């Protein structure tokens, strides 16, 4: 009798797990996490560009500059700006993108560099790099951003085999911005502005300047690997669209049923 009770308890436990799983999957989504219905990554940071971070909640302004931008300035000589905006919190689930889709970055900068570029003091145009963790996925150069006015730039990045899946806690997207200019000097600085500045707009800027990145997010069940198979090889034994650990649950269920059958034969003898 005791073995039958144990076996029946296992069956009840497995059934309750199956019934509970859909309810868990339907739990309220974290607004800072990407999803099919929440694909826009927003930019935030400090007023001096010493820190920049991203997440997917357009209202999550906590800690970001109240002015809505970060700025770096120099009064003379070389002006180098190099900062990376990384996800504030690790993904809770792997991110899957449409293999036929396009990532879309839109950002705004206000840059001024009146100093001349030379071999001894070279300049660099604005270079933007998309990273997957620490791996470079794509890089683009944006010329002529130092006009001294807000300048919005866009970048369309086709999804390829390296960017269809972004593993949680290791491969979250990051954006690096690098630019080099020069401040000016001389008597003219008593009349004209000779300082160099670089201003990057965050998503909470009051001027409504765009600052976000859109990802063509899809559900795991729609994800397909480059060879045409499912992209769920490392999902703990689950099938795409199935319940996590389904194979393990099925095996335990079979053992429980076998135990019940064996106990019945013993009672009959």
C-alpha atoms as a PDB file:
ATOM      1  CA  UNK A   1       0.000   0.000   0.000  1.00  0.00           C
ATOM      2  CA  UNK A   2       2.797   2.436   0.876  1.00  0.00           C
ATOM      3  CA  UNK A   3       4.442   2.054  -2.536  1.00  0.00           C
ATOM      4  CA  UNK A   4       1.104   2.746  -4.209  1.00  0.00           C
ATOM      5  CA  UNK A   5       0.679   5.946  -2.180  1.00  0.00           C
ATOM      6  CA  UNK A   6       4.178   7.099  -3.114  1.00  0.00           C
ATOM      7  CA  UNK A   7       3.567   6.410  -6.792  1.00  0.00           C
ATOM      8  CA  UNK A   8       0.221   8.190  -6.752  1.00  0.00           C
ATOM      9  CA  UNK A   9       1.804  11.158  -4.971  1.00  0.00           C
ATOM     10  CA  UNK A  10       4.372  11.399  -7.745  1.00  0.00           C
ATOM     11  CA  UNK A  11       1.645  11.422 -10.385  1.00  0.00           C
ATOM     12  CA  UNK A  12      -0.269  14.156  -8.546  1.00  0.00           C
ATOM     13  CA  UNK A  13       2.907  16.217  -8.234  1.00  0.00           C
ATOM     14  CA  UNK A  14       3.682  15.892 -11.937  1.00  0.00           C
ATOM     15  CA  UNK A  15       0.148  16.818 -12.945  1.00  0.00           C
ATOM     16  CA  UNK A  16       0.184  19.878 -10.675  1.00  0.00           C
ATOM     17  CA  UNK A  17       3.487  20.966 -12.198  1.00  0.00           C
ATOM     18  CA  UNK A  18       2.048  20.724 -15.705  1.00  0.00           C
ATOM     19  CA  UNK A  19      -1.029  22.713 -14.731  1.00  0.00           C
ATOM     20  CA  UNK A  20       0.994  25.372 -12.894  1.00  0.00           C
ATOM     21  CA  UNK A  21       3.486  25.986 -15.707  1.00  0.00           C
ATOM     22  CA  UNK A  22       1.114  27.928 -18.007  1.00  0.00           C
ATOM     23  CA  UNK A  23       0.090  30.147 -15.100  1.00  0.00           C
ATOM     24  CA  UNK A  24       3.737  30.960 -14.383  1.00  0.00           C
ATOM     25  CA  UNK A  25       4.362  31.735 -18.046  1.00  0.00           C
ATOM     26  CA  UNK A  26       1.485  34.187 -17.994  1.00  0.00           C
ATOM     27  CA  UNK A  27       2.921  36.152 -15.055  1.00  0.00           C
ATOM     28  CA  UNK A  28       3.274  39.892 -15.513  1.00  0.00           C
ATOM     29  CA  UNK A  29       6.313  40.774 -17.621  1.00  0.00           C
ATOM     30  CA  UNK A  30       9.147  42.904 -16.228  1.00  0.00           C
ATOM     31  CA  UNK A  31       9.024  46.211 -18.184  1.00  0.00           C
ATOM     32  CA  UNK A  32      12.820  46.391 -18.141  1.00  0.00           C
ATOM     33  CA  UNK A  33      13.070  43.081 -20.007  1.00  0.00           C
ATOM     34  CA  UNK A  34      12.684  42.650 -23.797  1.00  0.00           C
ATOM     35  CA  UNK A  35       9.667  40.860 -25.234  1.00  0.00           C
ATOM     36  CA  UNK A  36       7.640  40.685 -28.430  1.00  0.00           C
ATOM     37  CA  UNK A  37       5.419  43.451 -27.108  1.00  0.00           C
ATOM     38  CA  UNK A  38       8.289  45.429 -25.567  1.00  0.00           C
ATOM     39  CA  UNK A  39      11.148  45.553 -28.130  1.00  0.00           C
ATOM     40  CA  UNK A  40      12.460  49.107 -27.571  1.00  0.00           C
ATOM     41  CA  UNK A  41      15.710  49.506 -25.626  1.00  0.00           C
ATOM     42  CA  UNK A  42      16.138  52.938 -24.024  1.00  0.00           C
ATOM     43  CA  UNK A  43      19.300  54.843 -23.056  1.00  0.00           C
ATOM     44  CA  UNK A  44      20.025  56.419 -19.660  1.00  0.00           C
ATOM     45  CA  UNK A  45      23.089  57.767 -17.891  1.00  0.00           C
ATOM     46  CA  UNK A  46      24.833  60.353 -15.741  1.00  0.00           C
ATOM     47  CA  UNK A  47      25.262  64.017 -16.595  1.00  0.00           C
ATOM     48  CA  UNK A  48      29.023  63.640 -17.192  1.00  0.00           C
ATOM     49  CA  UNK A  49      28.848  60.445 -19.353  1.00  0.00           C
ATOM     50  CA  UNK A  50      30.786  58.537 -16.701  1.00  0.00           C
ATOM     51  CA  UNK A  51      28.062  55.885 -16.736  1.00  0.00           C
ATOM     52  CA  UNK A  52      25.509  54.849 -19.361  1.00  0.00           C
ATOM     53  CA  UNK A  53      23.010  52.028 -19.154  1.00  0.00           C
ATOM     54  CA  UNK A  54      20.021  50.640 -21.025  1.00  0.00           C
ATOM     55  CA  UNK A  55      16.802  48.729 -20.391  1.00  0.00           C
ATOM     56  CA  UNK A  56      13.408  48.308 -22.034  1.00  0.00           C
ATOM     57  CA  UNK A  57      11.249  50.437 -19.719  1.00  0.00           C
ATOM     58  CA  UNK A  58      10.605  53.838 -21.307  1.00  0.00           C
ATOM     59  CA  UNK A  59       9.503  55.208 -17.935  1.00  0.00           C
ATOM     60  CA  UNK A  60      12.417  53.831 -15.926  1.00  0.00           C
ATOM     61  CA  UNK A  61      14.334  57.085 -15.511  1.00  0.00           C
ATOM     62  CA  UNK A  62      15.649  56.386 -12.000  1.00  0.00           C
ATOM     63  CA  UNK A  63      19.282  57.455 -11.640  1.00  0.00           C
ATOM     64  CA  UNK A  64      19.460  59.088 -15.063  1.00  0.00           C
ATOM     65  CA  UNK A  65      20.465  62.730 -15.543  1.00  0.00           C
ATOM     66  CA  UNK A  66      17.605  65.113 -14.816  1.00  0.00           C
ATOM     67  CA  UNK A  67      18.735  67.194 -17.801  1.00  0.00           C
ATOM     68  CA  UNK A  68      18.157  64.244 -20.121  1.00  0.00           C
ATOM     69  CA  UNK A  69      21.696  64.143 -21.505  1.00  0.00           C
ATOM     70  CA  UNK A  70      25.307  63.475 -20.593  1.00  0.00           C
ATOM     71  CA  UNK A  71      28.079  65.864 -21.583  1.00  0.00           C
ATOM     72  CA  UNK A  72      31.863  65.818 -21.829  1.00  0.00           C
ATOM     73  CA  UNK A  73      33.831  69.064 -22.290  1.00  0.00           C
ATOM     74  CA  UNK A  74      37.456  70.184 -22.559  1.00  0.00           C
ATOM     75  CA  UNK A  75      38.835  73.722 -22.630  1.00  0.00           C
ATOM     76  CA  UNK A  76      42.019  72.992 -24.557  1.00  0.00           C
ATOM     77  CA  UNK A  77      43.771  70.275 -26.534  1.00  0.00           C
ATOM     78  CA  UNK A  78      42.594  66.780 -27.421  1.00  0.00           C
ATOM     79  CA  UNK A  79      39.034  65.739 -26.595  1.00  0.00           C
ATOM     80  CA  UNK A  80      38.447  61.976 -26.511  1.00  0.00           C
ATOM     81  CA  UNK A  81      35.062  60.453 -25.745  1.00  0.00           C
ATOM     82  CA  UNK A  82      34.653  56.687 -25.328  1.00  0.00           C
ATOM     83  CA  UNK A  83      31.748  55.174 -23.404  1.00  0.00           C
ATOM     84  CA  UNK A  84      29.639  52.021 -23.521  1.00  0.00           C
ATOM     85  CA  UNK A  85      25.952  51.709 -22.664  1.00  0.00           C
ATOM     86  CA  UNK A  86      25.217  48.271 -21.199  1.00  0.00           C
ATOM     87  CA  UNK A  87      22.064  46.548 -19.991  1.00  0.00           C
ATOM     88  CA  UNK A  88      21.293  47.603 -16.421  1.00  0.00           C
ATOM     89  CA  UNK A  89      19.967  44.184 -15.408  1.00  0.00           C
ATOM     90  CA  UNK A  90      20.840  40.858 -17.000  1.00  0.00           C
ATOM     91  CA  UNK A  91      18.200  39.250 -19.178  1.00  0.00           C
ATOM     92  CA  UNK A  92      15.985  36.780 -17.359  1.00  0.00           C
ATOM     93  CA  UNK A  93      15.434  34.799 -20.558  1.00  0.00           C
ATOM     94  CA  UNK A  94      17.437  34.414 -23.754  1.00  0.00           C
ATOM     95  CA  UNK A  95      16.571  36.998 -26.406  1.00  0.00           C
ATOM     96  CA  UNK A  96      15.574  35.659 -29.840  1.00  0.00           C
ATOM     97  CA  UNK A  97      15.435  37.858 -32.955  1.00  0.00           C
ATOM     98  CA  UNK A  98      13.789  37.330 -36.320  1.00  0.00           C
ATOM     99  CA  UNK A  99      16.500  35.973 -38.632  1.00  0.00           C
ATOM    100  CA  UNK A 100      14.978  38.042 -41.456  1.00  0.00           C
ATOM    101  CA  UNK A 101      14.551  41.159 -39.340  1.00  0.00           C
ATOM    102  CA  UNK A 102      16.539  44.352 -38.794  1.00  0.00           C
ATOM    103  CA  UNK A 103      17.734  46.051 -35.619  1.00  0.00           C
ATOM    104  CA  UNK A 104      17.207  49.810 -35.676  1.00  0.00           C
ATOM    105  CA  UNK A 105      19.280  52.263 -33.618  1.00  0.00           C
ATOM    106  CA  UNK A 106      18.322  55.926 -33.399  1.00  0.00           C
ATOM    107  CA  UNK A 107      20.364  58.335 -31.279  1.00  0.00           C
ATOM    108  CA  UNK A 108      21.038  62.062 -30.955  1.00  0.00           C
ATOM    109  CA  UNK A 109      24.291  63.877 -30.194  1.00  0.00           C
ATOM    110  CA  UNK A 110      25.294  67.545 -30.026  1.00  0.00           C
ATOM    111  CA  UNK A 111      29.013  67.906 -30.737  1.00  0.00           C
ATOM    112  CA  UNK A 112      31.334  70.898 -31.188  1.00  0.00           C
ATOM    113  CA  UNK A 113      35.090  70.754 -31.815  1.00  0.00           C
ATOM    114  CA  UNK A 114      36.570  74.033 -33.154  1.00  0.00           C
ATOM    115  CA  UNK A 115      40.201  72.909 -32.949  1.00  0.00           C
ATOM    116  CA  UNK A 116      42.075  71.823 -36.069  1.00  0.00           C
ATOM    117  CA  UNK A 117      42.950  68.171 -36.654  1.00  0.00           C
ATOM    118  CA  UNK A 118      46.559  67.299 -37.490  1.00  0.00           C
ATOM    119  CA  UNK A 119      49.017  64.426 -37.507  1.00  0.00           C
ATOM    120  CA  UNK A 120      50.128  65.341 -34.011  1.00  0.00           C
ATOM    121  CA  UNK A 121      46.550  65.827 -32.837  1.00  0.00           C
ATOM    122  CA  UNK A 122      44.377  63.541 -34.988  1.00  0.00           C
ATOM    123  CA  UNK A 123      40.608  63.453 -34.844  1.00  0.00           C
ATOM    124  CA  UNK A 124      38.230  60.526 -35.146  1.00  0.00           C
ATOM    125  CA  UNK A 125      34.727  60.550 -36.547  1.00  0.00           C
ATOM    126  CA  UNK A 126      32.001  59.089 -34.366  1.00  0.00           C
ATOM    127  CA  UNK A 127      32.234  55.289 -34.402  1.00  0.00           C
ATOM    128  CA  UNK A 128      29.390  53.223 -32.968  1.00  0.00           C
ATOM    129  CA  UNK A 129      29.811  49.529 -32.201  1.00  0.00           C
ATOM    130  CA  UNK A 130      27.132  46.967 -31.364  1.00  0.00           C
ATOM    131  CA  UNK A 131      28.379  44.335 -28.925  1.00  0.00           C
ATOM    132  CA  UNK A 132      26.940  40.984 -27.883  1.00  0.00           C
ATOM    133  CA  UNK A 133      28.450  40.704 -24.441  1.00  0.00           C
ATOM    134  CA  UNK A 134      32.041  41.541 -25.387  1.00  0.00           C
ATOM    135  CA  UNK A 135      31.798  40.247 -28.960  1.00  0.00           C
ATOM    136  CA  UNK A 136      31.625  42.832 -31.757  1.00  0.00           C
ATOM    137  CA  UNK A 137      28.560  42.273 -33.939  1.00  0.00           C
ATOM    138  CA  UNK A 138      28.603  45.388 -36.139  1.00  0.00           C
ATOM    139  CA  UNK A 139      30.364  48.763 -36.402  1.00  0.00           C
ATOM    140  CA  UNK A 140      29.413  51.962 -38.211  1.00  0.00           C
ATOM    141  CA  UNK A 141      31.104  55.360 -38.702  1.00  0.00           C
ATOM    142  CA  UNK A 142      29.032  58.552 -38.586  1.00  0.00           C
ATOM    143  CA  UNK A 143      30.773  61.544 -40.145  1.00  0.00           C
ATOM    144  CA  UNK A 144      30.274  65.241 -39.554  1.00  0.00           C
ATOM    145  CA  UNK A 145      28.461  65.186 -36.219  1.00  0.00           C
ATOM    146  CA  UNK A 146      30.459  68.144 -34.826  1.00  0.00           C
ATOM    147  CA  UNK A 147      28.296  70.935 -36.211  1.00  0.00           C
ATOM    148  CA  UNK A 148      27.335  72.338 -32.827  1.00  0.00           C
ATOM    149  CA  UNK A 149      23.619  71.427 -33.051  1.00  0.00           C
ATOM    150  CA  UNK A 150      21.566  68.352 -32.086  1.00  0.00           C
ATOM    151  CA  UNK A 151      22.151  65.734 -34.760  1.00  0.00           C
ATOM    152  CA  UNK A 152      19.997  62.598 -34.958  1.00  0.00           C
ATOM    153  CA  UNK A 153      21.513  59.577 -36.674  1.00  0.00           C
ATOM    154  CA  UNK A 154      20.015  56.191 -37.522  1.00  0.00           C
ATOM    155  CA  UNK A 155      21.585  52.797 -38.096  1.00  0.00           C
ATOM    156  CA  UNK A 156      19.867  49.720 -39.506  1.00  0.00           C
ATOM    157  CA  UNK A 157      21.601  46.449 -38.680  1.00  0.00           C
ATOM    158  CA  UNK A 158      20.352  43.275 -40.415  1.00  0.00           C
ATOM    159  CA  UNK A 159      20.039  40.271 -38.123  1.00  0.00           C
ATOM    160  CA  UNK A 160      22.493  37.514 -39.075  1.00  0.00           C
ATOM    161  CA  UNK A 161      23.565  34.147 -37.680  1.00  0.00           C
ATOM    162  CA  UNK A 162      25.570  35.893 -34.934  1.00  0.00           C
ATOM    163  CA  UNK A 163      22.654  37.925 -33.657  1.00  0.00           C
ATOM    164  CA  UNK A 164      19.579  35.684 -33.766  1.00  0.00           C
ATOM    165  CA  UNK A 165      20.074  34.570 -30.156  1.00  0.00           C
ATOM    166  CA  UNK A 166      21.433  36.558 -27.187  1.00  0.00           C
ATOM    167  CA  UNK A 167      22.051  34.371 -24.153  1.00  0.00           C
ATOM    168  CA  UNK A 168      20.984  35.722 -20.785  1.00  0.00           C
ATOM    169  CA  UNK A 169      23.628  36.840 -18.268  1.00  0.00           C
ATOM    170  CA  UNK A 170      26.457  36.683 -20.828  1.00  0.00           C
ATOM    171  CA  UNK A 171      25.462  38.099 -24.225  1.00  0.00           C
ATOM    172  CA  UNK A 172      23.229  41.084 -23.552  1.00  0.00           C
ATOM    173  CA  UNK A 173      23.559  43.868 -26.173  1.00  0.00           C
ATOM    174  CA  UNK A 174      25.815  46.861 -25.506  1.00  0.00           C
ATOM    175  CA  UNK A 175      26.527  49.985 -27.590  1.00  0.00           C
ATOM    176  CA  UNK A 176      29.930  51.679 -27.630  1.00  0.00           C
ATOM    177  CA  UNK A 177      30.360  55.294 -28.766  1.00  0.00           C
ATOM    178  CA  UNK A 178      33.821  56.677 -29.587  1.00  0.00           C
ATOM    179  CA  UNK A 179      34.772  60.112 -30.930  1.00  0.00           C
ATOM    180  CA  UNK A 180      37.886  62.332 -30.846  1.00  0.00           C
ATOM    181  CA  UNK A 181      38.126  66.068 -31.557  1.00  0.00           C
ATOM    182  CA  UNK A 182      40.079  69.120 -30.424  1.00  0.00           C
ATOM    183  CA  UNK A 183      39.373  72.338 -28.598  1.00  0.00           C
ATOM    184  CA  UNK A 184      40.788  75.591 -29.961  1.00  0.00           C
ATOM    185  CA  UNK A 185      43.069  78.183 -28.396  1.00  0.00           C
ATOM    186  CA  UNK A 186      44.285  81.698 -29.096  1.00  0.00           C
ATOM    187  CA  UNK A 187      43.144  85.306 -28.899  1.00  0.00           C
ATOM    188  CA  UNK A 188      39.931  84.530 -30.775  1.00  0.00           C
ATOM    189  CA  UNK A 189      38.742  82.597 -27.751  1.00  0.00           C
ATOM    190  CA  UNK A 190      37.961  85.924 -26.049  1.00  0.00           C
ATOM    191  CA  UNK A 191      35.194  86.354 -28.637  1.00  0.00           C
ATOM    192  CA  UNK A 192      34.334  82.867 -29.881  1.00  0.00           C
ATOM    193  CA  UNK A 193      33.716  79.614 -28.047  1.00  0.00           C
ATOM    194  CA  UNK A 194      36.887  77.543 -28.212  1.00  0.00           C
ATOM    195  CA  UNK A 195      35.856  74.761 -25.834  1.00  0.00           C
ATOM    196  CA  UNK A 196      35.005  71.381 -27.283  1.00  0.00           C
ATOM    197  CA  UNK A 197      31.934  69.511 -26.077  1.00  0.00           C
ATOM    198  CA  UNK A 198      30.185  66.212 -26.756  1.00  0.00           C
ATOM    199  CA  UNK A 199      26.584  65.800 -25.624  1.00  0.00           C
ATOM    200  CA  UNK A 200      24.652  62.506 -25.797  1.00  0.00           C
ATOM    201  CA  UNK A 201      20.880  62.571 -25.342  1.00  0.00           C
ATOM    202  CA  UNK A 202      19.176  60.041 -23.082  1.00  0.00           C
ATOM    203  CA  UNK A 203      15.632  58.755 -23.501  1.00  0.00           C
ATOM    204  CA  UNK A 204      14.270  61.187 -20.891  1.00  0.00           C
ATOM    205  CA  UNK A 205      15.425  64.380 -22.647  1.00  0.00           C
ATOM    206  CA  UNK A 206      12.870  67.179 -22.641  1.00  0.00           C
ATOM    207  CA  UNK A 207      13.506  68.111 -26.277  1.00  0.00           C
ATOM    208  CA  UNK A 208      12.035  64.861 -27.545  1.00  0.00           C
ATOM    209  CA  UNK A 209      15.250  63.872 -29.314  1.00  0.00           C
ATOM    210  CA  UNK A 210      15.150  60.141 -30.215  1.00  0.00           C
ATOM    211  CA  UNK A 211      17.336  57.776 -28.237  1.00  0.00           C
ATOM    212  CA  UNK A 212      16.434  54.093 -28.437  1.00  0.00           C
ATOM    213  CA  UNK A 213      17.116  50.824 -30.218  1.00  0.00           C
ATOM    214  CA  UNK A 214      14.458  48.510 -31.613  1.00  0.00           C
ATOM    215  CA  UNK A 215      14.961  44.734 -31.775  1.00  0.00           C
ATOM    216  CA  UNK A 216      12.808  42.403 -33.952  1.00  0.00           C
ATOM    217  CA  UNK A 217      11.980  40.165 -30.983  1.00  0.00           C
ATOM    218  CA  UNK A 218      10.265  36.823 -31.537  1.00  0.00           C
ATOM    219  CA  UNK A 219       9.168  34.021 -29.229  1.00  0.00           C
ATOM    220  CA  UNK A 220      11.467  31.054 -28.761  1.00  0.00           C
ATOM    221  CA  UNK A 221       8.964  28.845 -30.593  1.00  0.00           C
ATOM    222  CA  UNK A 222       9.511  30.938 -33.732  1.00  0.00           C
ATOM    223  CA  UNK A 223      13.299  30.868 -33.501  1.00  0.00           C
ATOM    224  CA  UNK A 224      15.138  28.843 -36.111  1.00  0.00           C
ATOM    225  CA  UNK A 225      18.868  28.136 -36.116  1.00  0.00           C
ATOM    226  CA  UNK A 226      21.044  28.668 -39.250  1.00  0.00           C
ATOM    227  CA  UNK A 227      20.736  24.959 -40.150  1.00  0.00           C
ATOM    228  CA  UNK A 228      16.948  25.119 -40.144  1.00  0.00           C
ATOM    229  CA  UNK A 229      16.345  23.319 -36.845  1.00  0.00           C
ATOM    230  CA  UNK A 230      14.959  24.540 -33.553  1.00  0.00           C
ATOM    231  CA  UNK A 231      17.150  26.858 -31.486  1.00  0.00           C
ATOM    232  CA  UNK A 232      16.377  25.218 -28.180  1.00  0.00           C
ATOM    233  CA  UNK A 233      19.383  22.935 -27.792  1.00  0.00           C
ATOM    234  CA  UNK A 234      20.319  24.293 -24.357  1.00  0.00           C
ATOM    235  CA  UNK A 235      16.893  24.807 -22.824  1.00  0.00           C
ATOM    236  CA  UNK A 236      17.139  22.132 -20.132  1.00  0.00           C
ATOM    237  CA  UNK A 237      15.480  19.337 -22.065  1.00  0.00           C
ATOM    238  CA  UNK A 238      12.462  21.260 -23.307  1.00  0.00           C
ATOM    239  CA  UNK A 239      11.183  21.311 -26.850  1.00  0.00           C
ATOM    240  CA  UNK A 240      10.551  24.641 -28.615  1.00  0.00           C
ATOM    241  CA  UNK A 241       7.145  25.738 -27.384  1.00  0.00           C
ATOM    242  CA  UNK A 242       6.994  22.905 -24.850  1.00  0.00           C
ATOM    243  CA  UNK A 243       7.199  22.912 -21.100  1.00  0.00           C
ATOM    244  CA  UNK A 244      10.647  23.158 -19.468  1.00  0.00           C
ATOM    245  CA  UNK A 245      11.984  19.718 -18.534  1.00  0.00           C
ATOM    246  CA  UNK A 246       9.161  17.945 -20.352  1.00  0.00           C
ATOM    247  CA  UNK A 247      11.357  14.923 -21.082  1.00  0.00           C
ATOM    248  CA  UNK A 248      12.252  14.557 -17.411  1.00  0.00           C
ATOM    249  CA  UNK A 249       8.619  14.867 -16.350  1.00  0.00           C
ATOM    250  CA  UNK A 250       7.537  12.243 -18.864  1.00  0.00           C
ATOM    251  CA  UNK A 251      10.195   9.852 -17.590  1.00  0.00           C
ATOM    252  CA  UNK A 252       9.166  10.302 -13.964  1.00  0.00           C
ATOM    253  CA  UNK A 253       5.551   9.824 -14.949  1.00  0.00           C
ATOM    254  CA  UNK A 254       6.388   6.525 -16.620  1.00  0.00           C
ATOM    255  CA  UNK A 255       8.225   5.342 -13.489  1.00  0.00           C
ATOM    256  CA  UNK A 256       5.272   6.284 -11.311  1.00  0.00           C
ATOM    257  CA  UNK A 257       2.842   4.360 -13.532  1.00  0.00           C
ATOM    258  CA  UNK A 258       5.156   1.331 -13.544  1.00  0.00           C
ATOM    259  CA  UNK A 259       5.341   1.429  -9.754  1.00  0.00           C
ATOM    260  CA  UNK A 260       1.537   1.449  -9.497  1.00  0.00           C
ATOM    261  CA  UNK A 261       1.263  -1.468 -11.934  1.00  0.00           C
ATOM    262  CA  UNK A 262       3.880  -3.488 -10.060  1.00  0.00           C
ATOM    263  CA  UNK A 263       2.105  -2.883  -6.765  1.00  0.00           C
ATOM    264  CA  UNK A 264      -1.186  -4.061  -8.255  1.00  0.00           C
ATOM    265  CA  UNK A 265       0.408  -7.307  -9.421  1.00  0.00           C
ATOM    266  CA  UNK A 266       1.840  -7.883  -5.944  1.00  0.00           C
ATOM    267  CA  UNK A 267      -1.594  -7.382  -4.335  1.00  0.00           C
ATOM    268  CA  UNK A 268      -3.204  -9.820  -6.776  1.00  0.00           C
ATOM    269  CA  UNK A 269      -0.644 -12.529  -5.950  1.00  0.00           C
END
